Amino acid sequence: TDVALASARATPARSVETSPDFGWLMQMLWSRVTELKHYPPEARMNRLEGRVVVRVVIDEQGRLLDATITTGSGHALLDHAALDVIRRSCPLSLPQVLGRHQIVLRVPIQYRLDF
């Protein structure tokens, strides 16, 4: 949801490394990211915008094994905020078995100021 004049927006996307069978996992992670993300106040004050793509590795228990930036926004504040929201989004409570030890997702997070 938009708060004041700015919001942190992200668009769900399927990972190239993820089978379409794991779309439910991407949606679950996406819901948590959307719920927990925020626009960093300093980035908002400085009118910084950008898109961050985070490579996320989730294990069969829903725990975060790794989160790294594959495409940065060009602004360290936004990149750190994206990693932070991914870390706070896990562990996930998986409603079904993954059927493998881990899965890799690529999560794009868009930070855009709305006026």
Protein backbone atom coordinates (compact mmCIF):
# COMPACT_ATOMS: atom_id res chain seq x y z
CA THR A 1 0.00 0.00 0.00
CA ASP A 2 1.09 3.56 -0.60
CA VAL A 3 2.12 5.51 2.47
CA ALA A 4 2.32 9.32 2.35
CA LEU A 5 3.92 10.36 -0.94
CA ALA A 6 6.18 7.39 -1.48
CA SER A 7 5.91 3.65 -1.61
CA ALA A 8 8.15 0.67 -2.11
CA ARG A 9 6.84 -1.35 -5.01
CA ALA A 10 7.95 -4.64 -6.39
CA THR A 11 6.74 -6.74 -9.25
CA PRO A 12 6.55 -10.51 -9.04
CA ALA A 13 8.51 -12.38 -11.67
CA ARG A 14 9.30 -16.00 -12.28
CA SER A 15 12.88 -17.07 -11.82
CA VAL A 16 14.78 -18.44 -14.74
CA GLU A 17 16.20 -21.02 -12.33
CA THR A 18 12.77 -21.94 -10.97
CA SER A 19 10.48 -24.53 -12.47
CA PRO A 20 6.90 -23.31 -13.04
CA ASP A 21 5.94 -25.97 -10.45
CA PHE A 22 7.41 -23.70 -7.77
CA GLY A 23 5.30 -20.65 -8.58
CA TRP A 24 3.51 -21.18 -5.26
CA LEU A 25 6.82 -20.66 -3.43
CA MET A 26 7.54 -17.44 -5.31
CA GLN A 27 4.04 -16.20 -4.47
CA MET A 28 4.50 -17.08 -0.81
CA LEU A 29 7.84 -15.23 -0.63
CA TRP A 30 6.39 -12.36 -2.63
CA SER A 31 3.49 -11.97 -0.17
CA ARG A 32 5.91 -11.73 2.76
CA VAL A 33 8.15 -9.23 0.93
CA THR A 34 5.15 -7.07 0.07
CA GLU A 35 3.95 -7.17 3.67
CA LEU A 36 7.34 -6.28 5.21
CA LYS A 37 9.03 -3.94 2.73
CA HIS A 38 9.39 -0.21 3.30
CA TYR A 39 10.97 2.71 1.52
CA PRO A 40 14.13 3.73 3.40
CA PRO A 41 13.52 7.25 4.81
CA GLU A 42 16.92 8.56 3.65
CA ALA A 43 16.32 7.21 0.15
CA ARG A 44 12.91 8.88 0.11
CA MET A 45 14.40 12.21 1.25
CA ASN A 46 17.03 12.02 -1.47
CA ARG A 47 14.45 10.91 -4.06
CA LEU A 48 16.33 7.71 -4.87
CA GLU A 49 14.57 5.17 -7.07
CA GLY A 50 15.63 1.87 -8.59
CA ARG A 51 15.12 -1.82 -9.16
CA VAL A 52 17.00 -4.49 -7.23
CA VAL A 53 17.06 -8.17 -8.20
CA VAL A 54 17.89 -10.50 -5.32
CA ARG A 55 18.94 -14.13 -5.82
CA VAL A 56 17.38 -16.10 -2.98
CA VAL A 57 18.15 -19.68 -1.95
CA ILE A 58 15.48 -21.36 0.20
CA ASP A 59 15.91 -24.80 1.77
CA GLU A 60 13.33 -27.56 2.14
CA GLN A 61 12.37 -26.20 5.59
CA GLY A 62 11.62 -22.70 4.21
CA ARG A 63 14.81 -21.23 5.67
CA LEU A 64 16.90 -18.66 3.83
CA LEU A 65 20.27 -20.15 2.91
CA ASP A 66 21.56 -17.22 0.87
CA ALA A 67 20.49 -13.83 -0.48
CA THR A 68 22.68 -11.88 -2.87
CA ILE A 69 22.09 -8.96 -5.19
CA THR A 70 22.32 -10.00 -8.83
CA THR A 71 21.33 -6.59 -10.19
CA GLY A 72 21.78 -3.51 -8.05
CA SER A 73 19.70 -0.35 -8.17
CA GLY A 74 22.72 1.92 -8.29
CA HIS A 75 21.93 3.06 -4.73
CA ALA A 76 23.38 1.22 -1.73
CA LEU A 77 20.44 2.26 0.48
CA LEU A 78 17.92 0.55 -1.80
CA ASP A 79 20.12 -2.51 -2.30
CA HIS A 80 20.50 -2.96 1.48
CA ALA A 81 16.76 -2.45 2.01
CA ALA A 82 16.00 -5.17 -0.54
CA LEU A 83 18.37 -7.65 1.15
CA ASP A 84 16.93 -6.73 4.54
CA VAL A 85 13.32 -7.36 3.52
CA ILE A 86 14.26 -10.74 2.04
CA ARG A 87 16.03 -11.73 5.27
CA ARG A 88 13.07 -10.62 7.39
CA SER A 89 10.66 -12.54 5.13
CA CYS A 90 12.16 -15.90 6.06
CA PRO A 91 11.72 -18.52 7.28
CA LEU A 92 8.64 -19.35 5.25
CA SER A 93 6.05 -21.79 6.52
CA LEU A 94 5.83 -24.12 3.52
CA PRO A 95 2.37 -25.60 2.91
CA GLN A 96 3.81 -28.42 0.81
CA VAL A 97 7.04 -30.34 0.37
CA LEU A 98 9.64 -28.84 -1.96
CA GLY A 99 10.85 -32.22 -3.11
CA ARG A 100 14.45 -31.03 -3.24
CA HIS A 101 17.03 -29.75 -0.76
CA GLN A 102 16.92 -26.16 -1.97
CA ILE A 103 15.52 -23.89 -4.64
CA VAL A 104 16.80 -20.66 -6.18
CA LEU A 105 14.48 -17.72 -6.88
CA ARG A 106 15.21 -14.32 -8.36
CA VAL A 107 13.12 -11.64 -6.72
CA PRO A 108 12.88 -8.18 -8.35
CA ILE A 109 12.04 -5.34 -5.98
CA GLN A 110 11.14 -1.94 -7.43
CA TYR A 111 11.53 1.23 -5.39
CA ARG A 112 9.63 4.06 -6.98
CA LEU A 113 8.44 7.36 -5.55
CA ASP A 114 4.81 8.13 -6.32
CA PHE A 115 3.68 11.73 -6.29
